[in-house]
C-alpha cells in the first residue's frame, strides 16, 4: 500500500451491525495490543500532563470501545490515590455492552451510546481524550472534533493515535496475521495505520481548529501523543 497519502477506506468496525461476539474478540485483542505495544502507557502519559496535583478528577473518553483505556487509567489513579470518575462515549451499542461487563468500572462510570457530538454530560469532564479514534475521521471532521474537545473540557484534552508509517503497517499486518483470531483486527489494524496522520498533517489540522497551547510527541510504537491545555 502507498502510504504517502492517508487512506479513507472505511474499517470493518465502522459497520453498525457487527455481532457482539465479534466485537468482544476485537476489544480483547485491542487491549492486548495496547498493553504490550505501549498504547496504555501513552494514554497515562497524556493524562499525567493534565492531572497535575489534582486528587479528584472526571475523565471522558470519546470512542471508548470496550473500556480498556479507562480501566488502565483507573489502575494508575488507584496507585496515585486519585479519586476518579469516568464518562465513556461510543456510538456502537455492542462496545458499550462489552464495556459494562468490566466490574471495576461499574460504580464510577457513566456510559453513553451516542455520537460524541450529541452526548449530554451529567457533569462537564475535566479532561477529554481519545485513543485510536481520530483516524476514523476526515480532516474536516477532525477540526470539528478538536474544537468540541476543547469547548467541553475544563482542564484540556489529549489524543493518542497512530502515525502512518510503512514499518508500522507491515509489522502490524504480519503480527495480526500470525497471532490474531479476529477478522476485525486482521483487517482494521493495518488499515488504521494507513488512515493515520503524520506530524505535519496534525499541525495543519490543529492550526485550522485554532487549538493553541499544544504539544505533539512521537511515541513508540509509531504513535503521536497530542496534549492541549485550556488556559
Protein backbone atom coordinates (compact mmCIF):
# COMPACT_ATOMS: atom_id res chain seq x y z
CA UNK A 1 0.00 0.00 0.00
CA UNK A 2 1.19 3.51 -0.85
CA UNK A 3 1.33 5.40 2.45
CA UNK A 4 2.39 8.76 1.06
CA UNK A 5 -1.26 9.80 1.38
CA UNK A 6 -3.64 8.56 4.05
CA UNK A 7 -6.33 6.03 3.21
CA UNK A 8 -10.01 6.91 3.51
CA UNK A 9 -11.20 3.33 3.24
CA UNK A 10 -13.73 2.51 5.96
CA UNK A 11 -12.78 -0.01 8.64
CA UNK A 12 -14.98 -3.02 9.30
CA UNK A 13 -15.53 -1.80 12.86
CA UNK A 14 -17.35 1.25 11.47
CA UNK A 15 -20.23 -1.05 10.47
CA UNK A 16 -23.17 -0.78 12.89
CA UNK A 17 -24.26 -4.43 12.54
CA UNK A 18 -21.29 -6.37 13.91
CA UNK A 19 -22.25 -9.36 16.13
CA UNK A 20 -21.48 -8.92 19.83
CA UNK A 21 -19.15 -11.95 19.94
CA UNK A 22 -17.03 -10.43 17.17
CA UNK A 23 -16.92 -7.06 18.95
CA UNK A 24 -15.85 -8.82 22.15
CA UNK A 25 -12.98 -10.66 20.45
CA UNK A 26 -11.91 -7.40 18.77
CA UNK A 27 -11.91 -5.49 22.09
CA UNK A 28 -9.96 -8.21 23.87
CA UNK A 29 -7.25 -8.25 21.20
CA UNK A 30 -7.04 -4.44 21.07
CA UNK A 31 -6.50 -4.42 24.83
CA UNK A 32 -3.65 -6.93 24.37
CA UNK A 33 -2.09 -4.74 21.65
CA UNK A 34 -2.44 -1.59 23.76
CA UNK A 35 -0.94 -3.30 26.79
CA UNK A 36 2.09 -4.86 25.14
CA UNK A 37 2.85 -2.27 22.44
CA UNK A 38 2.67 0.65 24.86
CA UNK A 39 -0.71 2.16 23.97
CA UNK A 40 -1.93 2.30 27.55
CA UNK A 41 1.37 3.79 28.71
CA UNK A 42 0.91 6.62 26.20
CA UNK A 43 -2.61 7.26 27.47
CA UNK A 44 -1.29 7.50 31.05
CA UNK A 45 1.45 9.88 29.87
CA UNK A 46 -1.18 12.17 28.35
CA UNK A 47 -3.29 12.06 31.50
CA UNK A 48 -0.33 12.91 33.72
CA UNK A 49 0.36 16.07 31.73
CA UNK A 50 -3.12 17.40 32.58
CA UNK A 51 -3.85 15.99 36.03
CA UNK A 52 -1.14 17.94 37.81
CA UNK A 53 -1.60 17.74 41.58
CA UNK A 54 -5.37 17.14 41.46
CA UNK A 55 -6.69 14.41 43.74
CA UNK A 56 -10.18 14.30 42.26
CA UNK A 57 -10.91 14.29 38.55
CA UNK A 58 -13.55 13.47 35.93
CA UNK A 59 -12.27 11.97 32.68
CA UNK A 60 -14.24 11.37 29.48
CA UNK A 61 -13.17 9.14 26.60
CA UNK A 62 -14.82 9.54 23.21
CA UNK A 63 -14.81 6.37 21.15
CA UNK A 64 -14.25 4.41 24.36
CA UNK A 65 -14.73 0.98 22.77
CA UNK A 66 -14.60 -1.75 25.38
CA UNK A 67 -13.33 0.47 28.17
CA UNK A 68 -9.78 -0.89 28.33
CA UNK A 69 -8.26 2.61 28.35
CA UNK A 70 -10.47 3.69 31.24
CA UNK A 71 -9.53 0.57 33.16
CA UNK A 72 -5.82 1.33 32.67
CA UNK A 73 -6.39 4.89 33.91
CA UNK A 74 -8.34 3.62 36.94
CA UNK A 75 -5.48 1.32 37.96
CA UNK A 76 -2.99 4.21 37.70
CA UNK A 77 -5.24 6.57 39.69
CA UNK A 78 -5.72 3.95 42.40
CA UNK A 79 -1.95 3.70 42.79
CA UNK A 80 -1.69 7.50 42.98
CA UNK A 81 -4.70 7.78 45.33
CA UNK A 82 -6.60 9.96 42.90
CA UNK A 83 -10.38 9.79 43.10
CA UNK A 84 -11.67 9.46 39.55
CA UNK A 85 -14.99 9.27 37.75
CA UNK A 86 -15.49 8.49 34.07
CA UNK A 87 -17.76 9.09 31.14
CA UNK A 88 -17.37 6.64 28.27
CA UNK A 89 -18.93 7.54 24.92
CA UNK A 90 -19.23 5.24 21.93
CA UNK A 91 -21.66 5.11 19.03
CA UNK A 92 -21.56 1.29 18.96
CA UNK A 93 -24.07 -0.31 21.40
CA UNK A 94 -22.08 -3.56 21.36
CA UNK A 95 -18.93 -1.74 22.50
CA UNK A 96 -20.75 -0.16 25.45
CA UNK A 97 -22.38 -3.51 26.28
CA UNK A 98 -18.92 -5.08 26.49
CA UNK A 99 -17.50 -2.15 28.47
CA UNK A 100 -20.28 -2.52 31.03
CA UNK A 101 -19.01 -6.02 31.84
CA UNK A 102 -15.87 -4.53 33.42
CA UNK A 103 -16.73 -4.72 37.12
CA UNK A 104 -14.05 -2.24 38.21
CA UNK A 105 -15.77 0.49 36.18
CA UNK A 106 -19.36 -0.18 37.16
CA UNK A 107 -19.61 2.18 40.14
CA UNK A 108 -17.83 5.24 38.80
CA UNK A 109 -18.63 5.38 35.08
CA UNK A 110 -21.47 6.87 33.04
CA UNK A 111 -21.79 5.08 29.71
CA UNK A 112 -23.31 6.95 26.77
CA UNK A 113 -24.30 5.30 23.48
CA UNK A 114 -24.15 8.24 21.09
CA UNK A 115 -22.24 10.16 18.50
CA UNK A 116 -19.86 12.12 20.74
CA UNK A 117 -21.23 15.43 19.38
CA UNK A 118 -24.71 14.60 20.63
CA UNK A 119 -23.67 13.43 24.11
CA UNK A 120 -25.15 15.20 27.11
CA UNK A 121 -22.96 15.27 30.21
CA UNK A 122 -24.31 14.98 33.73
CA UNK A 123 -21.16 16.82 34.73
CA UNK A 124 -18.65 18.55 32.46
CA UNK A 125 -15.43 16.50 32.39
CA UNK A 126 -12.11 17.92 33.49
CA UNK A 127 -10.27 16.00 30.78
CA UNK A 128 -11.45 14.56 27.48
CA UNK A 129 -9.32 12.15 25.50
CA UNK A 130 -9.40 9.70 22.62
CA UNK A 131 -7.23 6.73 21.75
CA UNK A 132 -7.13 5.16 18.28
CA UNK A 133 -10.22 7.19 17.41
CA UNK A 134 -9.15 10.17 15.32
CA UNK A 135 -8.03 8.15 12.32
CA UNK A 136 -11.66 7.14 11.73
CA UNK A 137 -12.43 10.71 10.60
CA UNK A 138 -11.65 13.05 7.74
CA UNK A 139 -9.54 16.14 8.30
CA UNK A 140 -12.63 18.37 8.18
CA UNK A 141 -14.42 16.20 10.74
CA UNK A 142 -11.33 16.27 12.96
CA UNK A 143 -11.26 20.05 13.05
CA UNK A 144 -14.80 19.98 14.43
CA UNK A 145 -13.86 17.22 16.87
CA UNK A 146 -10.88 19.10 18.26
CA UNK A 147 -12.96 22.22 18.82
CA UNK A 148 -15.59 20.11 20.60
CA UNK A 149 -12.99 18.52 22.88
CA UNK A 150 -11.60 21.92 23.82
CA UNK A 151 -15.00 23.50 24.42
CA UNK A 152 -16.32 20.63 26.53
CA UNK A 153 -13.30 20.05 28.78
CA UNK A 154 -12.38 22.12 31.81
CA UNK A 155 -8.65 21.37 32.02
CA UNK A 156 -7.89 20.21 28.49
CA UNK A 157 -7.75 17.21 26.18
CA UNK A 158 -5.28 14.72 24.77
CA UNK A 159 -5.12 12.34 21.81
CA UNK A 160 -3.28 9.05 21.45
CA UNK A 161 -3.27 7.89 17.86
CA UNK A 162 -1.30 6.16 15.14
CA UNK A 163 1.46 7.51 12.95
CA UNK A 164 1.20 6.50 9.31
CA UNK A 165 4.46 4.69 8.55
CA UNK A 166 5.43 1.80 6.28
CA UNK A 167 7.20 -0.14 9.04
CA UNK A 168 4.22 0.15 11.39
CA UNK A 169 1.91 -1.01 8.58
CA UNK A 170 4.00 -4.04 7.63
CA UNK A 171 4.71 -5.00 11.24
CA UNK A 172 1.10 -4.95 12.45
CA UNK A 173 -0.06 -6.72 9.29
CA UNK A 174 2.41 -9.55 9.97
CA UNK A 175 1.72 -9.74 13.70
CA UNK A 176 -2.04 -9.85 13.33
CA UNK A 177 -1.79 -12.44 10.54
CA UNK A 178 0.16 -14.71 12.89
CA UNK A 179 -1.49 -14.09 16.27
CA UNK A 180 -4.96 -12.63 15.77
CA UNK A 181 -8.14 -14.70 15.75
CA UNK A 182 -10.31 -11.66 14.95
CA UNK A 183 -11.17 -10.88 11.35
CA UNK A 184 -11.85 -7.31 12.52
CA UNK A 185 -8.36 -6.89 13.94
CA UNK A 186 -6.68 -8.55 10.96
CA UNK A 187 -8.41 -6.15 8.58
CA UNK A 188 -8.61 -2.98 10.65
CA UNK A 189 -5.24 -2.89 12.44
CA UNK A 190 -3.11 -2.31 9.32
CA UNK A 191 -5.83 -0.17 7.75
CA UNK A 192 -5.80 2.00 10.88
CA UNK A 193 -2.12 2.72 10.26
CA UNK A 194 -2.88 3.63 6.65
CA UNK A 195 -5.58 6.00 7.90
CA UNK A 196 -3.24 7.58 10.47
CA UNK A 197 -1.61 11.01 10.35
CA UNK A 198 1.96 12.21 10.14
CA UNK A 199 3.08 15.16 12.26
CA UNK A 200 2.82 17.91 9.59
CA UNK A 201 -0.77 16.85 8.96
CA UNK A 202 -1.55 17.13 12.67
CA UNK A 203 0.00 20.59 12.78
CA UNK A 204 -2.23 21.74 9.93
CA UNK A 205 -5.38 20.25 11.48
CA UNK A 206 -4.69 21.81 14.88
CA UNK A 207 -3.96 25.16 13.25
CA UNK A 208 -7.23 25.00 11.31
CA UNK A 209 -9.10 24.22 14.53
CA UNK A 210 -7.34 27.18 16.21
CA UNK A 211 -6.07 24.95 19.02
CA UNK A 212 -3.19 26.55 20.88
CA UNK A 213 -1.05 25.58 23.87
CA UNK A 214 -0.37 22.14 22.42
CA UNK A 215 2.42 19.60 22.44
CA UNK A 216 2.92 16.83 19.88
CA UNK A 217 5.24 13.97 20.85
CA UNK A 218 6.24 10.88 18.90
CA UNK A 219 5.85 7.73 20.97
CA UNK A 220 6.78 4.11 20.47
CA UNK A 221 5.34 2.17 18.73
CA UNK A 222 4.56 4.66 15.95
CA UNK A 223 2.07 6.86 17.75
CA UNK A 224 1.57 10.54 18.46
CA UNK A 225 0.58 11.97 21.81
CA UNK A 226 -1.12 15.34 21.42
CA UNK A 227 -1.92 17.36 24.55
CA UNK A 228 -3.85 20.63 24.71
CA UNK A 229 -4.31 22.54 27.95
CA UNK A 230 -7.07 25.10 28.39
CA UNK A 231 -5.56 28.32 29.74
